[in-house]
Amino acid sequence: MLILGVDPGLASTGVVVIETDERLRILHKEVIRTKPGQPGPARLGIIADGVRRVIDDFAPAIIGIETAFVRRDAPQAGLSLGKVLGAIMLTAYQSRLDIVEITPRDAKRTLTGYGNATKGQIERAVSVKLGIDKPLRPSHVADAAAIALTAASIVATLGKK
């Protein structure tokens, strides 16, 4: 099974495709970037088009999306992230993918057993699970891989019930 993991962001959206059949392995990784000077709808379009391209190229069955983490001192950032999430979810829905929403805390707990794990701990856990020597870079790619791995874990757990 192929799973698409997405770490959404208006400036940088991390995207990873993993395969879960025989062993966990990464098939694709990238960061979809937009420029601050571009109009908001254009930036959302770039992100949606990038996600759709990956869906078309790899035909995943499931998309795992990190849900919004909104800081109280930055409400505008939360609104922007909500728009990005909406664009990605609509793209996934139109592509008929099953959507799994994952909180950062759930990803941390699934990968390390601890919901307050550090970035470094998550990066190491992702590397171990994917059998790679070095942490994935940039961090948006590592975060997207963590989301994909968490989605794989959730699907495996549901499949056993």
Protein backbone atom coordinates (compact mmCIF):
# COMPACT_ATOMS: atom_id res chain seq x y z
CA MET A 1 0.00 0.00 0.00
CA LEU A 2 1.18 3.51 -0.77
CA ILE A 3 0.58 6.28 1.74
CA LEU A 4 1.04 9.99 1.16
CA GLY A 5 2.11 12.00 4.20
CA VAL A 6 1.75 15.78 4.22
CA ASP A 7 3.15 18.39 6.58
CA PRO A 8 1.13 21.47 5.53
CA GLY A 9 2.48 24.99 5.49
CA LEU A 10 1.81 28.06 3.37
CA ALA A 11 5.47 28.72 2.59
CA SER A 12 6.64 25.09 2.61
CA THR A 13 4.56 21.91 2.48
CA GLY A 14 6.41 18.65 3.04
CA VAL A 15 5.22 15.69 0.99
CA VAL A 16 6.36 12.06 1.32
CA VAL A 17 5.13 8.82 -0.25
CA ILE A 18 5.91 5.59 1.58
CA GLU A 19 5.29 1.98 0.64
CA THR A 20 4.14 -0.39 3.35
CA ASP A 21 3.87 -3.73 1.53
CA GLU A 22 6.97 -5.83 2.18
CA ARG A 23 8.84 -3.33 4.29
CA LEU A 24 8.52 0.35 4.98
CA ARG A 25 10.36 2.41 2.42
CA ILE A 26 10.26 5.93 1.11
CA LEU A 27 9.42 6.33 -2.58
CA HIS A 28 9.21 10.10 -2.91
CA LYS A 29 10.00 13.20 -0.90
CA GLU A 30 9.74 16.88 -1.71
CA VAL A 31 8.87 20.29 -0.42
CA ILE A 32 6.27 22.34 -2.27
CA ARG A 33 7.30 25.97 -1.87
CA THR A 34 5.41 29.21 -2.39
CA LYS A 35 6.65 32.79 -2.29
CA PRO A 36 5.45 35.34 0.30
CA GLY A 37 4.72 37.98 -2.35
CA GLN A 38 2.26 35.79 -4.24
CA PRO A 39 -1.48 36.25 -3.68
CA GLY A 40 -2.99 33.79 -1.19
CA PRO A 41 -5.17 31.95 -3.74
CA ALA A 42 -2.16 31.48 -6.04
CA ARG A 43 -0.15 29.99 -3.16
CA LEU A 44 -2.98 27.62 -2.29
CA GLY A 45 -3.21 26.65 -5.96
CA ILE A 46 0.51 25.84 -6.11
CA ILE A 47 0.17 23.61 -3.04
CA ALA A 48 -2.97 21.87 -4.35
CA ASP A 49 -1.39 21.35 -7.79
CA GLY A 50 1.75 19.92 -6.20
CA VAL A 51 -0.21 17.50 -4.04
CA ARG A 52 -2.36 16.48 -7.03
CA ARG A 53 0.78 15.83 -9.11
CA VAL A 54 2.15 13.50 -6.43
CA ILE A 55 -1.23 11.74 -6.19
CA ASP A 56 -1.32 11.32 -9.98
CA ASP A 57 2.28 10.08 -10.12
CA PHE A 58 2.06 7.56 -7.26
CA ALA A 59 -1.65 6.74 -6.80
CA PRO A 60 -1.57 6.36 -3.00
CA ALA A 61 -4.57 4.81 -1.29
CA ILE A 62 -4.39 7.01 1.80
CA ILE A 63 -3.27 10.50 2.68
CA GLY A 64 -2.16 11.36 6.19
CA ILE A 65 -2.34 15.08 6.94
CA GLU A 66 -0.94 16.80 10.01
CA THR A 67 -3.71 18.83 11.55
CA ALA A 68 -3.36 22.44 12.55
CA PHE A 69 -1.43 23.45 15.60
CA VAL A 70 -2.55 26.97 16.41
CA ARG A 71 -0.60 29.16 18.78
CA ARG A 72 -2.62 31.66 20.75
CA ASP A 73 -0.13 34.42 19.99
CA ALA A 74 -0.34 33.87 16.21
CA PRO A 75 -3.99 33.59 15.14
CA GLN A 76 -3.23 34.70 11.55
CA ALA A 77 -0.84 31.80 11.14
CA GLY A 78 -3.62 29.45 12.24
CA LEU A 79 -5.99 30.93 9.67
CA SER A 80 -3.40 30.54 6.90
CA LEU A 81 -2.72 26.96 7.90
CA GLY A 82 -6.45 26.24 7.91
CA LYS A 83 -6.66 27.43 4.31
CA VAL A 84 -3.74 25.19 3.34
CA LEU A 85 -5.38 22.22 5.07
CA GLY A 86 -8.62 22.94 3.22
CA ALA A 87 -6.88 23.04 -0.17
CA ILE A 88 -5.06 19.77 0.53
CA MET A 89 -8.16 18.01 1.88
CA LEU A 90 -10.25 19.09 -1.09
CA THR A 91 -7.56 17.81 -3.45
CA ALA A 92 -7.43 14.48 -1.59
CA TYR A 93 -11.22 14.21 -1.55
CA GLN A 94 -11.46 14.93 -5.28
CA SER A 95 -8.82 12.23 -5.86
CA ARG A 96 -10.92 9.79 -3.82
CA LEU A 97 -8.24 9.17 -1.20
CA ASP A 98 -9.02 8.04 2.31
CA ILE A 99 -8.00 10.92 4.58
CA VAL A 100 -6.40 10.40 7.99
CA GLU A 101 -5.96 13.54 10.10
CA ILE A 102 -3.11 13.28 12.57
CA THR A 103 -2.15 15.65 15.36
CA PRO A 104 1.52 16.34 16.04
CA ARG A 105 1.09 14.79 19.49
CA ASP A 106 -0.39 11.58 18.01
CA ALA A 107 2.50 11.27 15.55
CA LYS A 108 5.01 11.73 18.37
CA ARG A 109 3.24 9.19 20.56
CA THR A 110 2.97 6.64 17.75
CA LEU A 111 6.61 6.91 16.69
CA THR A 112 8.33 7.32 20.06
CA GLY A 113 5.77 6.35 22.69
CA TYR A 114 5.94 9.88 24.08
CA GLY A 115 3.57 12.68 23.02
CA ASN A 116 6.07 15.44 23.84
CA ALA A 117 9.02 14.00 21.89
CA THR A 118 11.54 16.44 20.46
CA LYS A 119 12.15 17.04 16.76
CA GLY A 120 15.40 15.09 17.07
CA GLN A 121 13.65 12.11 18.63
CA ILE A 122 11.06 12.11 15.85
CA GLU A 123 13.74 12.37 13.16
CA ARG A 124 15.61 9.40 14.66
CA ALA A 125 12.42 7.33 14.91
CA VAL A 126 11.56 8.08 11.27
CA SER A 127 15.07 7.10 10.16
CA VAL A 128 14.94 3.83 12.10
CA LYS A 129 11.48 2.88 10.80
CA LEU A 130 12.46 3.65 7.20
CA GLY A 131 15.87 2.01 7.52
CA ILE A 132 17.86 5.07 6.49
CA ASP A 133 21.14 6.25 7.97
CA LYS A 134 20.59 10.01 8.11
CA PRO A 135 17.60 12.09 9.15
CA LEU A 136 15.44 13.33 6.31
CA ARG A 137 15.95 16.98 5.43
CA PRO A 138 14.53 19.54 5.42
CA SER A 139 12.38 19.20 8.53
CA HIS A 140 9.14 19.48 6.52
CA VAL A 141 10.07 16.23 4.75
CA ALA A 142 10.87 14.51 8.05
CA ASP A 143 7.55 15.71 9.49
CA ALA A 144 5.65 14.47 6.40
CA ALA A 145 7.36 11.07 6.76
CA ALA A 146 6.32 10.96 10.43
CA ILE A 147 2.72 11.63 9.39
CA ALA A 148 2.84 8.93 6.68
CA LEU A 149 4.29 6.40 9.15
CA THR A 150 1.63 7.28 11.71
CA ALA A 151 -1.10 6.87 9.09
CA ALA A 152 0.40 3.46 8.21
CA SER A 153 0.26 2.48 11.88
CA ILE A 154 -3.36 3.61 12.20
CA VAL A 155 -4.38 1.68 9.06
CA ALA A 156 -2.55 -1.44 10.28
CA THR A 157 -4.30 -1.21 13.65
CA LEU A 158 -7.72 -0.76 12.03
CA GLY A 159 -7.02 -3.69 9.71
CA LYS A 160 -6.43 -5.99 12.68
CA LYS A 161 -9.78 -5.18 14.30
